[in-house]
Amino acid sequence: MNRTRAIKAVAFDAFGTVVEIVDERRPYVQIARGPRAGVLASSITRPLDLAAFADLCGVQPSLEWKADLEAELASIRAFAESREVLIALRRAGYRVALASNLAQPYAAPLEALFADLLDCACFSFEIGAAKPDPAFYRALCLQLDCVPAEILMVGDSWRSDYEGARGAGLQALHLDRCGVGRAGREGATITDLRRLLDILPA
């Protein structure tokens, strides 16, 4: 992390970072199988519900796919420390954001869990770009009203959340909940979100 400029905001990836899907079924991936695989990116860069995405792929949405989506959405759970950390950061004066690649139906459960703790939510399907695209991070900076170096991005994807953010000028930390660790990532990785409370000035 670059400490030459004070951090004013902390942005979190959603899935794998502040929440998990306990009953993962991946209905959008099921719809986009085979020759339709090239359309999958549209599921997170356009405001498409399941029926609209199926229509884009030229298929009828099955009852099974709908049930799978409902099961996934109902199984979204915050990790034990997520709200605790967001609350502490807000109390310390940091702006807090969610910054996530996701399809439209997944936004509502996230907002239900965290809306009271967020300054903004930057979702790929709303802005038309997905991490690690620099356009995603430009939109995040605008929503947080910060220059890139004033934002710390935290997420579980090295490519999207760490390298993508750093490439766009943000500060970043990689979350490795399994604690596996890889050579060359020392000092850039944390294993628990609570570690942020030790790293960032209160």
N, C-alpha and C. Protein backbone atom coordinates (compact mmCIF):
# COMPACT_ATOMS: atom_id res chain seq x y z
N MET A 1 0.83 -1.20 0.00
CA MET A 1 0.00 0.00 0.00
C MET A 1 0.86 1.25 0.00
N ASN A 2 0.41 2.26 -0.73
CA ASN A 2 1.11 3.54 -0.80
C ASN A 2 0.56 4.47 0.26
N ARG A 3 1.39 4.81 1.22
CA ARG A 3 0.93 5.64 2.32
C ARG A 3 1.23 7.12 2.11
N THR A 4 1.64 7.50 0.87
CA THR A 4 1.96 8.90 0.63
C THR A 4 0.71 9.75 0.56
N ARG A 5 -0.41 9.18 0.30
CA ARG A 5 -1.67 9.92 0.28
C ARG A 5 -2.64 9.23 1.23
N ALA A 6 -3.32 10.00 2.05
CA ALA A 6 -4.23 9.43 3.04
C ALA A 6 -5.42 8.76 2.35
N ILE A 7 -5.79 7.60 2.86
CA ILE A 7 -6.96 6.89 2.35
C ILE A 7 -8.21 7.53 2.94
N LYS A 8 -9.16 7.84 2.06
CA LYS A 8 -10.43 8.42 2.49
C LYS A 8 -11.59 7.44 2.37
N ALA A 9 -11.42 6.41 1.54
CA ALA A 9 -12.52 5.47 1.29
C ALA A 9 -11.99 4.06 1.14
N VAL A 10 -12.82 3.10 1.54
CA VAL A 10 -12.49 1.68 1.38
C VAL A 10 -13.61 1.03 0.58
N ALA A 11 -13.23 0.39 -0.52
CA ALA A 11 -14.20 -0.29 -1.37
C ALA A 11 -13.98 -1.80 -1.28
N PHE A 12 -15.07 -2.52 -1.14
CA PHE A 12 -14.99 -3.97 -0.97
C PHE A 12 -15.65 -4.68 -2.15
N ASP A 13 -14.98 -5.69 -2.66
CA ASP A 13 -15.64 -6.66 -3.52
C ASP A 13 -16.74 -7.33 -2.69
N ALA A 14 -17.70 -7.94 -3.37
CA ALA A 14 -18.80 -8.58 -2.63
C ALA A 14 -18.54 -10.06 -2.39
N PHE A 15 -18.72 -10.88 -3.42
CA PHE A 15 -18.71 -12.33 -3.24
C PHE A 15 -17.30 -12.86 -3.02
N GLY A 16 -17.14 -13.58 -1.92
CA GLY A 16 -15.83 -14.07 -1.52
C GLY A 16 -15.08 -13.10 -0.63
N THR A 17 -15.63 -11.89 -0.49
CA THR A 17 -14.96 -10.87 0.32
C THR A 17 -15.80 -10.49 1.53
N VAL A 18 -17.00 -9.96 1.29
CA VAL A 18 -17.88 -9.63 2.43
C VAL A 18 -19.05 -10.59 2.54
N VAL A 19 -19.34 -11.33 1.47
CA VAL A 19 -20.43 -12.32 1.51
C VAL A 19 -20.00 -13.60 0.80
N GLU A 20 -20.76 -14.64 1.06
CA GLU A 20 -20.60 -15.91 0.35
C GLU A 20 -21.96 -16.42 -0.09
N ILE A 21 -21.97 -17.22 -1.15
CA ILE A 21 -23.17 -17.93 -1.57
C ILE A 21 -23.06 -19.34 -1.02
N VAL A 22 -23.90 -19.67 -0.07
CA VAL A 22 -23.82 -20.97 0.59
C VAL A 22 -24.28 -22.09 -0.34
N ASP A 23 -25.33 -21.82 -1.12
CA ASP A 23 -25.90 -22.82 -2.02
C ASP A 23 -25.66 -22.36 -3.46
N GLU A 24 -24.45 -22.57 -3.95
CA GLU A 24 -24.05 -22.05 -5.26
C GLU A 24 -24.56 -22.95 -6.38
N ARG A 25 -25.28 -22.33 -7.34
CA ARG A 25 -25.84 -23.10 -8.45
C ARG A 25 -25.52 -22.51 -9.82
N ARG A 26 -25.15 -21.25 -9.90
CA ARG A 26 -24.68 -20.59 -11.11
C ARG A 26 -25.66 -20.69 -12.28
N PRO A 27 -26.88 -20.20 -12.11
CA PRO A 27 -27.86 -20.32 -13.19
C PRO A 27 -27.48 -19.55 -14.46
N TYR A 28 -26.83 -18.40 -14.33
CA TYR A 28 -26.44 -17.66 -15.53
C TYR A 28 -25.40 -18.45 -16.34
N VAL A 29 -24.51 -19.12 -15.66
CA VAL A 29 -23.51 -19.95 -16.34
C VAL A 29 -24.20 -21.12 -17.04
N GLN A 30 -25.20 -21.70 -16.40
CA GLN A 30 -25.94 -22.79 -17.02
C GLN A 30 -26.60 -22.34 -18.32
N ILE A 31 -27.20 -21.15 -18.30
CA ILE A 31 -27.88 -20.64 -19.49
C ILE A 31 -26.89 -20.40 -20.63
N ALA A 32 -25.69 -19.94 -20.28
CA ALA A 32 -24.71 -19.55 -21.30
C ALA A 32 -23.77 -20.67 -21.70
N ARG A 33 -24.11 -21.90 -21.42
CA ARG A 33 -23.24 -23.02 -21.78
C ARG A 33 -23.14 -23.20 -23.29
N GLY A 34 -22.08 -23.88 -23.70
CA GLY A 34 -21.92 -24.26 -25.10
C GLY A 34 -21.72 -23.06 -26.01
N PRO A 35 -22.43 -23.03 -27.14
CA PRO A 35 -22.22 -21.95 -28.12
C PRO A 35 -22.63 -20.57 -27.60
N ARG A 36 -23.33 -20.52 -26.47
CA ARG A 36 -23.77 -19.23 -25.93
C ARG A 36 -22.77 -18.65 -24.93
N ALA A 37 -21.65 -19.33 -24.72
CA ALA A 37 -20.70 -18.92 -23.68
C ALA A 37 -20.18 -17.51 -23.88
N GLY A 38 -20.07 -17.07 -25.13
CA GLY A 38 -19.55 -15.74 -25.40
C GLY A 38 -20.45 -14.62 -24.90
N VAL A 39 -21.68 -14.95 -24.58
CA VAL A 39 -22.64 -13.94 -24.13
C VAL A 39 -22.58 -13.75 -22.61
N LEU A 40 -21.86 -14.62 -21.91
CA LEU A 40 -21.89 -14.62 -20.45
C LEU A 40 -21.47 -13.27 -19.86
N ALA A 41 -20.50 -12.61 -20.47
CA ALA A 41 -20.04 -11.32 -19.93
C ALA A 41 -21.16 -10.30 -19.86
N SER A 42 -22.14 -10.42 -20.77
CA SER A 42 -23.26 -9.48 -20.76
C SER A 42 -24.10 -9.59 -19.50
N SER A 43 -24.04 -10.74 -18.83
CA SER A 43 -24.85 -10.93 -17.62
C SER A 43 -24.41 -10.01 -16.50
N ILE A 44 -23.14 -9.54 -16.53
CA ILE A 44 -22.67 -8.66 -15.46
C ILE A 44 -22.38 -7.24 -15.94
N THR A 45 -22.56 -6.97 -17.23
CA THR A 45 -22.33 -5.61 -17.71
C THR A 45 -23.58 -4.97 -18.30
N ARG A 46 -24.71 -5.65 -18.18
CA ARG A 46 -25.99 -5.09 -18.62
C ARG A 46 -27.04 -5.42 -17.56
N PRO A 47 -28.04 -4.55 -17.40
CA PRO A 47 -29.07 -4.80 -16.38
C PRO A 47 -30.08 -5.85 -16.84
N LEU A 48 -29.68 -7.12 -16.78
CA LEU A 48 -30.50 -8.21 -17.28
C LEU A 48 -30.92 -9.13 -16.14
N ASP A 49 -32.23 -9.30 -15.96
CA ASP A 49 -32.66 -10.34 -15.03
C ASP A 49 -32.52 -11.69 -15.74
N LEU A 50 -32.87 -12.76 -15.06
CA LEU A 50 -32.64 -14.10 -15.62
C LEU A 50 -33.41 -14.29 -16.92
N ALA A 51 -34.65 -13.84 -16.97
CA ALA A 51 -35.47 -14.02 -18.18
C ALA A 51 -34.88 -13.24 -19.35
N ALA A 52 -34.44 -12.01 -19.08
CA ALA A 52 -33.86 -11.18 -20.15
C ALA A 52 -32.55 -11.77 -20.66
N PHE A 53 -31.76 -12.34 -19.75
CA PHE A 53 -30.50 -12.95 -20.18
C PHE A 53 -30.77 -14.20 -21.00
N ALA A 54 -31.75 -15.00 -20.58
CA ALA A 54 -32.11 -16.19 -21.35
C ALA A 54 -32.58 -15.80 -22.75
N ASP A 55 -33.37 -14.73 -22.83
CA ASP A 55 -33.84 -14.24 -24.12
C ASP A 55 -32.66 -13.81 -24.99
N LEU A 56 -31.68 -13.13 -24.38
CA LEU A 56 -30.49 -12.71 -25.12
C LEU A 56 -29.75 -13.92 -25.68
N CYS A 57 -29.77 -15.02 -24.93
CA CYS A 57 -29.11 -16.26 -25.36
C CYS A 57 -29.96 -17.09 -26.30
N GLY A 58 -31.20 -16.67 -26.51
CA GLY A 58 -32.08 -17.38 -27.43
C GLY A 58 -32.68 -18.65 -26.86
N VAL A 59 -32.85 -18.69 -25.53
CA VAL A 59 -33.44 -19.87 -24.89
C VAL A 59 -34.57 -19.44 -23.97
N GLN A 60 -35.43 -20.39 -23.64
CA GLN A 60 -36.50 -20.13 -22.69
C GLN A 60 -35.99 -20.40 -21.28
N PRO A 61 -36.22 -19.49 -20.34
CA PRO A 61 -35.78 -19.74 -18.96
C PRO A 61 -36.58 -20.87 -18.34
N SER A 62 -35.91 -21.90 -17.90
CA SER A 62 -36.60 -23.05 -17.33
C SER A 62 -36.96 -22.78 -15.87
N LEU A 63 -37.92 -23.53 -15.38
CA LEU A 63 -38.29 -23.42 -13.96
C LEU A 63 -37.11 -23.81 -13.08
N GLU A 64 -36.29 -24.74 -13.56
CA GLU A 64 -35.12 -25.17 -12.78
C GLU A 64 -34.13 -24.01 -12.62
N TRP A 65 -33.89 -23.27 -13.69
CA TRP A 65 -32.97 -22.13 -13.61
C TRP A 65 -33.51 -21.07 -12.64
N LYS A 66 -34.81 -20.83 -12.74
CA LYS A 66 -35.41 -19.84 -11.84
C LYS A 66 -35.29 -20.29 -10.38
N ALA A 67 -35.52 -21.58 -10.14
CA ALA A 67 -35.40 -22.11 -8.78
C ALA A 67 -33.96 -22.03 -8.29
N ASP A 68 -33.02 -22.29 -9.19
CA ASP A 68 -31.61 -22.20 -8.82
C ASP A 68 -31.24 -20.78 -8.43
N LEU A 69 -31.73 -19.81 -9.19
CA LEU A 69 -31.44 -18.41 -8.86
C LEU A 69 -32.03 -18.04 -7.51
N GLU A 70 -33.27 -18.42 -7.28
CA GLU A 70 -33.91 -18.11 -6.01
C GLU A 70 -33.16 -18.75 -4.84
N ALA A 71 -32.69 -19.98 -5.04
CA ALA A 71 -31.93 -20.67 -3.99
C ALA A 71 -30.62 -19.96 -3.71
N GLU A 72 -29.93 -19.53 -4.76
CA GLU A 72 -28.67 -18.81 -4.58
C GLU A 72 -28.89 -17.51 -3.83
N LEU A 73 -29.86 -16.74 -4.27
CA LEU A 73 -30.11 -15.44 -3.64
C LEU A 73 -30.47 -15.60 -2.17
N ALA A 74 -31.26 -16.62 -1.87
CA ALA A 74 -31.68 -16.85 -0.48
C ALA A 74 -30.53 -17.32 0.40
N SER A 75 -29.46 -17.83 -0.23
CA SER A 75 -28.35 -18.39 0.55
C SER A 75 -27.18 -17.42 0.71
N ILE A 76 -27.33 -16.18 0.26
CA ILE A 76 -26.25 -15.20 0.41
C ILE A 76 -26.12 -14.81 1.87
N ARG A 77 -24.94 -14.97 2.41
CA ARG A 77 -24.68 -14.69 3.83
C ARG A 77 -23.45 -13.80 3.96
N ALA A 78 -23.51 -12.87 4.89
CA ALA A 78 -22.33 -12.07 5.20
C ALA A 78 -21.35 -12.90 6.01
N PHE A 79 -20.07 -12.74 5.72
CA PHE A 79 -19.06 -13.36 6.57
C PHE A 79 -19.14 -12.75 7.97
N ALA A 80 -18.71 -13.52 8.95
CA ALA A 80 -18.92 -13.15 10.36
C ALA A 80 -18.43 -11.75 10.70
N GLU A 81 -17.29 -11.35 10.11
CA GLU A 81 -16.71 -10.07 10.51
C GLU A 81 -17.10 -8.90 9.61
N SER A 82 -17.87 -9.16 8.54
CA SER A 82 -18.09 -8.12 7.53
C SER A 82 -18.75 -6.86 8.08
N ARG A 83 -19.89 -7.01 8.71
CA ARG A 83 -20.58 -5.82 9.22
C ARG A 83 -19.76 -5.14 10.32
N GLU A 84 -19.13 -5.92 11.16
CA GLU A 84 -18.29 -5.36 12.22
C GLU A 84 -17.22 -4.43 11.65
N VAL A 85 -16.56 -4.88 10.58
CA VAL A 85 -15.49 -4.09 9.98
C VAL A 85 -16.04 -2.85 9.29
N LEU A 86 -17.14 -2.99 8.56
CA LEU A 86 -17.72 -1.83 7.89
C LEU A 86 -18.19 -0.78 8.89
N ILE A 87 -18.79 -1.23 9.98
CA ILE A 87 -19.23 -0.30 11.02
C ILE A 87 -18.03 0.44 11.60
N ALA A 88 -16.95 -0.28 11.89
CA ALA A 88 -15.76 0.34 12.48
C ALA A 88 -15.15 1.36 11.52
N LEU A 89 -15.12 1.05 10.24
CA LEU A 89 -14.55 1.98 9.27
C LEU A 89 -15.40 3.24 9.16
N ARG A 90 -16.70 3.08 9.16
CA ARG A 90 -17.58 4.26 9.10
C ARG A 90 -17.38 5.13 10.33
N ARG A 91 -17.29 4.51 11.48
CA ARG A 91 -17.09 5.28 12.71
C ARG A 91 -15.76 6.02 12.71
N ALA A 92 -14.78 5.44 12.01
CA ALA A 92 -13.46 6.07 11.92
C ALA A 92 -13.42 7.17 10.86
N GLY A 93 -14.52 7.35 10.15
CA GLY A 93 -14.61 8.44 9.19
C GLY A 93 -14.33 8.08 7.75
N TYR A 94 -14.17 6.81 7.45
CA TYR A 94 -13.93 6.39 6.07
C TYR A 94 -15.25 6.26 5.31
N ARG A 95 -15.23 6.62 4.03
CA ARG A 95 -16.35 6.29 3.16
C ARG A 95 -16.23 4.81 2.81
N VAL A 96 -17.37 4.16 2.68
CA VAL A 96 -17.39 2.71 2.45
C VAL A 96 -18.23 2.41 1.22
N ALA A 97 -17.72 1.51 0.37
CA ALA A 97 -18.44 1.15 -0.85
C ALA A 97 -18.35 -0.34 -1.10
N LEU A 98 -19.35 -0.85 -1.82
CA LEU A 98 -19.23 -2.16 -2.45
C LEU A 98 -18.86 -1.92 -3.90
N ALA A 99 -17.95 -2.71 -4.43
CA ALA A 99 -17.50 -2.57 -5.81
C ALA A 99 -17.40 -3.97 -6.39
N SER A 100 -18.42 -4.38 -7.13
CA SER A 100 -18.53 -5.81 -7.46
C SER A 100 -19.01 -6.05 -8.89
N ASN A 101 -18.48 -7.12 -9.48
CA ASN A 101 -19.00 -7.65 -10.73
C ASN A 101 -20.15 -8.59 -10.39
N LEU A 102 -21.34 -8.27 -10.87
CA LEU A 102 -22.46 -9.15 -10.58
C LEU A 102 -23.62 -8.90 -11.53
N ALA A 103 -24.50 -9.90 -11.64
CA ALA A 103 -25.72 -9.77 -12.42
C ALA A 103 -26.78 -9.07 -11.58
N GLN A 104 -27.72 -8.46 -12.26
CA GLN A 104 -28.72 -7.61 -11.61
C GLN A 104 -29.42 -8.22 -10.40
N PRO A 105 -29.89 -9.48 -10.45
CA PRO A 105 -30.65 -10.00 -9.31
C PRO A 105 -29.86 -10.09 -8.00
N TYR A 106 -28.54 -10.08 -8.10
CA TYR A 106 -27.72 -10.25 -6.89
C TYR A 106 -27.53 -8.96 -6.11
N ALA A 107 -27.95 -7.84 -6.68
CA ALA A 107 -27.77 -6.56 -5.99
C ALA A 107 -28.68 -6.42 -4.78
N ALA A 108 -29.93 -6.83 -4.90
CA ALA A 108 -30.89 -6.62 -3.81
C ALA A 108 -30.47 -7.30 -2.50
N PRO A 109 -30.02 -8.56 -2.52
CA PRO A 109 -29.58 -9.17 -1.25
C PRO A 109 -28.40 -8.43 -0.62
N LEU A 110 -27.49 -7.91 -1.44
CA LEU A 110 -26.36 -7.16 -0.90
C LEU A 110 -26.82 -5.87 -0.25
N GLU A 111 -27.74 -5.19 -0.91
CA GLU A 111 -28.25 -3.94 -0.35
C GLU A 111 -29.01 -4.20 0.94
N ALA A 112 -29.71 -5.32 1.00
CA ALA A 112 -30.44 -5.66 2.23
C ALA A 112 -29.48 -5.89 3.40
N LEU A 113 -28.31 -6.44 3.10
CA LEU A 113 -27.33 -6.73 4.15
C LEU A 113 -26.53 -5.50 4.58
N PHE A 114 -26.26 -4.59 3.62
CA PHE A 114 -25.27 -3.55 3.90
C PHE A 114 -25.70 -2.11 3.61
N ALA A 115 -26.90 -1.89 3.10
CA ALA A 115 -27.28 -0.55 2.65
C ALA A 115 -27.07 0.52 3.72
N ASP A 116 -27.30 0.17 4.98
CA ASP A 116 -27.17 1.15 6.06
C ASP A 116 -25.72 1.52 6.35
N LEU A 117 -24.78 0.80 5.75
CA LEU A 117 -23.36 1.03 6.03
C LEU A 117 -22.59 1.56 4.83
N LEU A 118 -23.27 1.81 3.72
CA LEU A 118 -22.58 2.16 2.48
C LEU A 118 -22.78 3.61 2.09
N ASP A 119 -21.71 4.19 1.56
CA ASP A 119 -21.82 5.49 0.90
C ASP A 119 -22.23 5.31 -0.55
N CYS A 120 -21.84 4.20 -1.14
CA CYS A 120 -22.28 3.91 -2.51
C CYS A 120 -22.06 2.44 -2.81
N ALA A 121 -22.72 1.98 -3.86
CA ALA A 121 -22.54 0.62 -4.37
C ALA A 121 -22.27 0.74 -5.86
N CYS A 122 -21.12 0.26 -6.28
CA CYS A 122 -20.71 0.33 -7.68
C CYS A 122 -20.80 -1.08 -8.26
N PHE A 123 -21.85 -1.33 -9.03
CA PHE A 123 -22.10 -2.66 -9.57
C PHE A 123 -21.88 -2.66 -11.08
N SER A 124 -21.23 -3.69 -11.57
CA SER A 124 -20.86 -3.75 -12.98
C SER A 124 -22.06 -3.67 -13.91
N PHE A 125 -23.17 -4.30 -13.55
CA PHE A 125 -24.32 -4.31 -14.45
C PHE A 125 -24.93 -2.93 -14.61
N GLU A 126 -24.69 -2.04 -13.64
CA GLU A 126 -25.23 -0.68 -13.71
C GLU A 126 -24.33 0.26 -14.50
N ILE A 127 -23.02 0.05 -14.41
CA ILE A 127 -22.10 1.00 -15.06
C ILE A 127 -21.63 0.53 -16.43
N GLY A 128 -21.89 -0.73 -16.78
CA GLY A 128 -21.53 -1.22 -18.11
C GLY A 128 -20.08 -1.61 -18.27
N ALA A 129 -19.39 -1.84 -17.18
CA ALA A 129 -18.00 -2.28 -17.21
C ALA A 129 -17.73 -3.15 -16.00
N ALA A 130 -16.83 -4.10 -16.15
CA ALA A 130 -16.52 -5.04 -15.07
C ALA A 130 -15.04 -4.97 -14.72
N LYS A 131 -14.75 -5.17 -13.45
CA LYS A 131 -13.34 -5.28 -13.03
C LYS A 131 -12.66 -6.41 -13.82
N PRO A 132 -11.43 -6.24 -14.24
CA PRO A 132 -10.48 -5.16 -13.92
C PRO A 132 -10.46 -3.99 -14.89
N ASP A 133 -11.48 -3.82 -15.69
CA ASP A 133 -11.55 -2.71 -16.64
C ASP A 133 -11.35 -1.38 -15.90
N PRO A 134 -10.42 -0.54 -16.34
CA PRO A 134 -10.24 0.76 -15.68
C PRO A 134 -11.50 1.60 -15.64
N ALA A 135 -12.42 1.38 -16.60
CA ALA A 135 -13.67 2.14 -16.61
C ALA A 135 -14.49 1.86 -15.35
N PHE A 136 -14.40 0.64 -14.86
CA PHE A 136 -15.11 0.32 -13.61
C PHE A 136 -14.56 1.16 -12.48
N TYR A 137 -13.25 1.23 -12.39
CA TYR A 137 -12.63 1.97 -11.28
C TYR A 137 -12.82 3.47 -11.42
N ARG A 138 -12.89 3.97 -12.65
CA ARG A 138 -13.20 5.40 -12.83
C ARG A 138 -14.59 5.71 -12.29
N ALA A 139 -15.53 4.81 -12.56
CA ALA A 139 -16.89 5.01 -12.05
C ALA A 139 -16.92 4.97 -10.53
N LEU A 140 -16.13 4.07 -9.94
CA LEU A 140 -16.05 3.99 -8.48
C LEU A 140 -15.51 5.29 -7.89
N CYS A 141 -14.47 5.83 -8.50
CA CYS A 141 -13.91 7.10 -8.01
C CYS A 141 -14.94 8.22 -8.07
N LEU A 142 -15.70 8.27 -9.15
CA LEU A 142 -16.73 9.30 -9.28
C LEU A 142 -17.79 9.15 -8.20
N GLN A 143 -18.22 7.91 -7.95
CA GLN A 143 -19.26 7.69 -6.95
C GLN A 143 -18.79 8.03 -5.55
N LEU A 144 -17.52 7.78 -5.27
CA LEU A 144 -16.98 8.06 -3.94
C LEU A 144 -16.46 9.49 -3.82
N ASP A 145 -16.40 10.21 -4.96
CA ASP A 145 -15.88 11.58 -4.99
C ASP A 145 -14.46 11.62 -4.43
N CYS A 146 -13.63 10.70 -4.90
CA CYS A 146 -12.24 10.60 -4.46
C CYS A 146 -11.34 10.46 -5.68
N VAL A 147 -10.10 10.91 -5.55
CA VAL A 147 -9.11 10.58 -6.58
C VAL A 147 -8.68 9.14 -6.32
N PRO A 148 -8.17 8.44 -7.35
CA PRO A 148 -7.87 7.02 -7.18
C PRO A 148 -7.00 6.67 -5.98
N ALA A 149 -5.95 7.45 -5.72
CA ALA A 149 -5.02 7.11 -4.65
C ALA A 149 -5.62 7.25 -3.26
N GLU A 150 -6.81 7.85 -3.17
CA GLU A 150 -7.48 8.00 -1.87
C GLU A 150 -8.38 6.82 -1.54
N ILE A 151 -8.47 5.85 -2.45
CA ILE A 151 -9.35 4.69 -2.27
C ILE A 151 -8.53 3.43 -2.08
N LEU A 152 -8.89 2.65 -1.08
CA LEU A 152 -8.31 1.32 -0.87
C LEU A 152 -9.33 0.29 -1.34
N MET A 153 -8.95 -0.52 -2.33
CA MET A 153 -9.80 -1.60 -2.83
C MET A 153 -9.40 -2.90 -2.15
N VAL A 154 -10.38 -3.64 -1.65
CA VAL A 154 -10.14 -4.90 -0.95
C VAL A 154 -10.99 -5.99 -1.61
N GLY A 155 -10.36 -7.07 -2.04
CA GLY A 155 -11.12 -8.15 -2.66
C GLY A 155 -10.34 -9.44 -2.77
N ASP A 156 -11.05 -10.51 -3.10
CA ASP A 156 -10.42 -11.83 -3.12
C ASP A 156 -9.86 -12.24 -4.47
N SER A 157 -10.03 -11.41 -5.49
CA SER A 157 -9.46 -11.71 -6.81
C SER A 157 -8.18 -10.90 -7.01
N TRP A 158 -7.07 -11.59 -7.16
CA TRP A 158 -5.80 -10.89 -7.37
C TRP A 158 -5.85 -10.06 -8.64
N ARG A 159 -6.37 -10.64 -9.71
CA ARG A 159 -6.39 -9.95 -11.01
C ARG A 159 -7.38 -8.79 -11.01
N SER A 160 -8.60 -9.04 -10.59
CA SER A 160 -9.65 -8.01 -10.70
C SER A 160 -9.57 -6.97 -9.60
N ASP A 161 -9.36 -7.41 -8.37
CA ASP A 161 -9.44 -6.50 -7.22
C ASP A 161 -8.11 -5.88 -6.85
N TYR A 162 -7.02 -6.61 -7.07
CA TYR A 162 -5.71 -6.06 -6.70
C TYR A 162 -5.02 -5.44 -7.92
N GLU A 163 -4.71 -6.26 -8.91
CA GLU A 163 -4.01 -5.73 -10.07
C GLU A 163 -4.85 -4.71 -10.82
N GLY A 164 -6.14 -4.97 -10.96
CA GLY A 164 -7.01 -4.02 -11.66
C GLY A 164 -7.07 -2.69 -10.95
N ALA A 165 -7.22 -2.73 -9.64
CA ALA A 165 -7.29 -1.49 -8.87
C ALA A 165 -5.96 -0.74 -8.92
N ARG A 166 -4.86 -1.45 -8.73
CA ARG A 166 -3.54 -0.80 -8.77
C ARG A 166 -3.28 -0.18 -10.15
N GLY A 167 -3.69 -0.89 -11.18
CA GLY A 167 -3.51 -0.37 -12.53
C GLY A 167 -4.29 0.90 -12.79
N ALA A 168 -5.39 1.07 -12.06
CA ALA A 168 -6.22 2.27 -12.21
C ALA A 168 -5.81 3.37 -11.23
N GLY A 169 -4.75 3.13 -10.45
CA GLY A 169 -4.24 4.15 -9.55
C GLY A 169 -4.73 4.08 -8.13
N LEU A 170 -5.56 3.07 -7.82
CA LEU A 170 -6.06 2.92 -6.45
C LEU A 170 -5.02 2.19 -5.60
N GLN A 171 -5.15 2.28 -4.31
CA GLN A 171 -4.42 1.40 -3.41
C GLN A 171 -5.23 0.11 -3.28
N ALA A 172 -4.59 -0.99 -2.90
CA ALA A 172 -5.31 -2.26 -2.90
C ALA A 172 -4.70 -3.25 -1.93
N LEU A 173 -5.56 -4.13 -1.44
CA LEU A 173 -5.16 -5.29 -0.65
C LEU A 173 -5.92 -6.50 -1.16
N HIS A 174 -5.22 -7.61 -1.23
CA HIS A 174 -5.83 -8.87 -1.66
C HIS A 174 -6.26 -9.65 -0.43
N LEU A 175 -7.50 -10.14 -0.44
CA LEU A 175 -8.01 -10.97 0.65
C LEU A 175 -7.87 -12.44 0.28
N ASP A 176 -7.09 -13.16 1.06
CA ASP A 176 -6.90 -14.60 0.86
C ASP A 176 -7.41 -15.31 2.11
N ARG A 177 -8.70 -15.62 2.12
CA ARG A 177 -9.31 -16.21 3.31
C ARG A 177 -8.73 -17.58 3.65
N CYS A 178 -8.24 -18.29 2.67
CA CYS A 178 -7.67 -19.62 2.92
C CYS A 178 -6.26 -19.54 3.46
N GLY A 179 -5.64 -18.38 3.35
CA GLY A 179 -4.29 -18.21 3.86
C GLY A 179 -3.25 -19.02 3.12
N VAL A 180 -3.52 -19.32 1.85
CA VAL A 180 -2.58 -20.13 1.07
C VAL A 180 -1.28 -19.37 0.82
N GLY A 181 -1.42 -18.13 0.38
CA GLY A 181 -0.24 -17.30 0.14
C GLY A 181 0.51 -17.72 -1.11
N ARG A 182 1.02 -16.74 -1.84
CA ARG A 182 1.82 -17.01 -3.03
C ARG A 182 3.03 -16.09 -3.03
N ALA A 183 4.11 -16.58 -3.59
CA ALA A 183 5.34 -15.80 -3.65
C ALA A 183 5.10 -14.49 -4.38
N GLY A 184 5.65 -13.43 -3.85
CA GLY A 184 5.52 -12.13 -4.48
C GLY A 184 4.33 -11.33 -4.02
N ARG A 185 3.49 -11.93 -3.17
CA ARG A 185 2.30 -11.22 -2.71
C ARG A 185 2.39 -10.80 -1.25
N GLU A 186 3.57 -10.97 -0.67
CA GLU A 186 3.75 -10.60 0.73
C GLU A 186 3.54 -9.09 0.89
N GLY A 187 2.83 -8.72 1.93
CA GLY A 187 2.57 -7.31 2.18
C GLY A 187 1.39 -6.77 1.41
N ALA A 188 0.88 -7.56 0.45
CA ALA A 188 -0.27 -7.13 -0.34
C ALA A 188 -1.51 -7.93 0.00
N THR A 189 -1.39 -8.89 0.92
CA THR A 189 -2.47 -9.83 1.19
C THR A 189 -2.83 -9.86 2.67
N ILE A 190 -4.12 -9.94 2.95
CA ILE A 190 -4.62 -10.16 4.30
C ILE A 190 -5.48 -11.42 4.28
N THR A 191 -5.68 -12.03 5.43
CA THR A 191 -6.48 -13.26 5.50
C THR A 191 -7.81 -13.06 6.22
N ASP A 192 -8.02 -11.88 6.78
CA ASP A 192 -9.25 -11.58 7.53
C ASP A 192 -9.50 -10.09 7.41
N LEU A 193 -10.75 -9.71 7.18
CA LEU A 193 -11.06 -8.29 7.03
C LEU A 193 -10.75 -7.48 8.28
N ARG A 194 -10.75 -8.12 9.43
CA ARG A 194 -10.44 -7.39 10.67
C ARG A 194 -9.03 -6.81 10.65
N ARG A 195 -8.18 -7.37 9.83
CA ARG A 195 -6.81 -6.86 9.72
C ARG A 195 -6.80 -5.40 9.25
N LEU A 196 -7.82 -5.01 8.52
CA LEU A 196 -7.91 -3.62 8.05
C LEU A 196 -7.92 -2.64 9.21
N LEU A 197 -8.52 -3.04 10.31
CA LEU A 197 -8.64 -2.15 11.46
C LEU A 197 -7.29 -1.91 12.12
N ASP A 198 -6.34 -2.82 11.89
CA ASP A 198 -4.98 -2.62 12.38
C ASP A 198 -4.15 -1.79 11.41
N ILE A 199 -4.44 -1.95 10.13
CA ILE A 199 -3.65 -1.29 9.09
C ILE A 199 -4.02 0.18 8.93
N LEU A 200 -5.32 0.47 8.93
CA LEU A 200 -5.78 1.83 8.65
C LEU A 200 -5.81 2.67 9.92
N PRO A 201 -5.40 3.93 9.83
CA PRO A 201 -5.48 4.81 11.00
C PRO A 201 -6.92 4.99 11.45
N ALA A 202 -7.15 4.95 12.75
CA ALA A 202 -8.51 5.12 13.29
C ALA A 202 -8.89 6.59 13.26
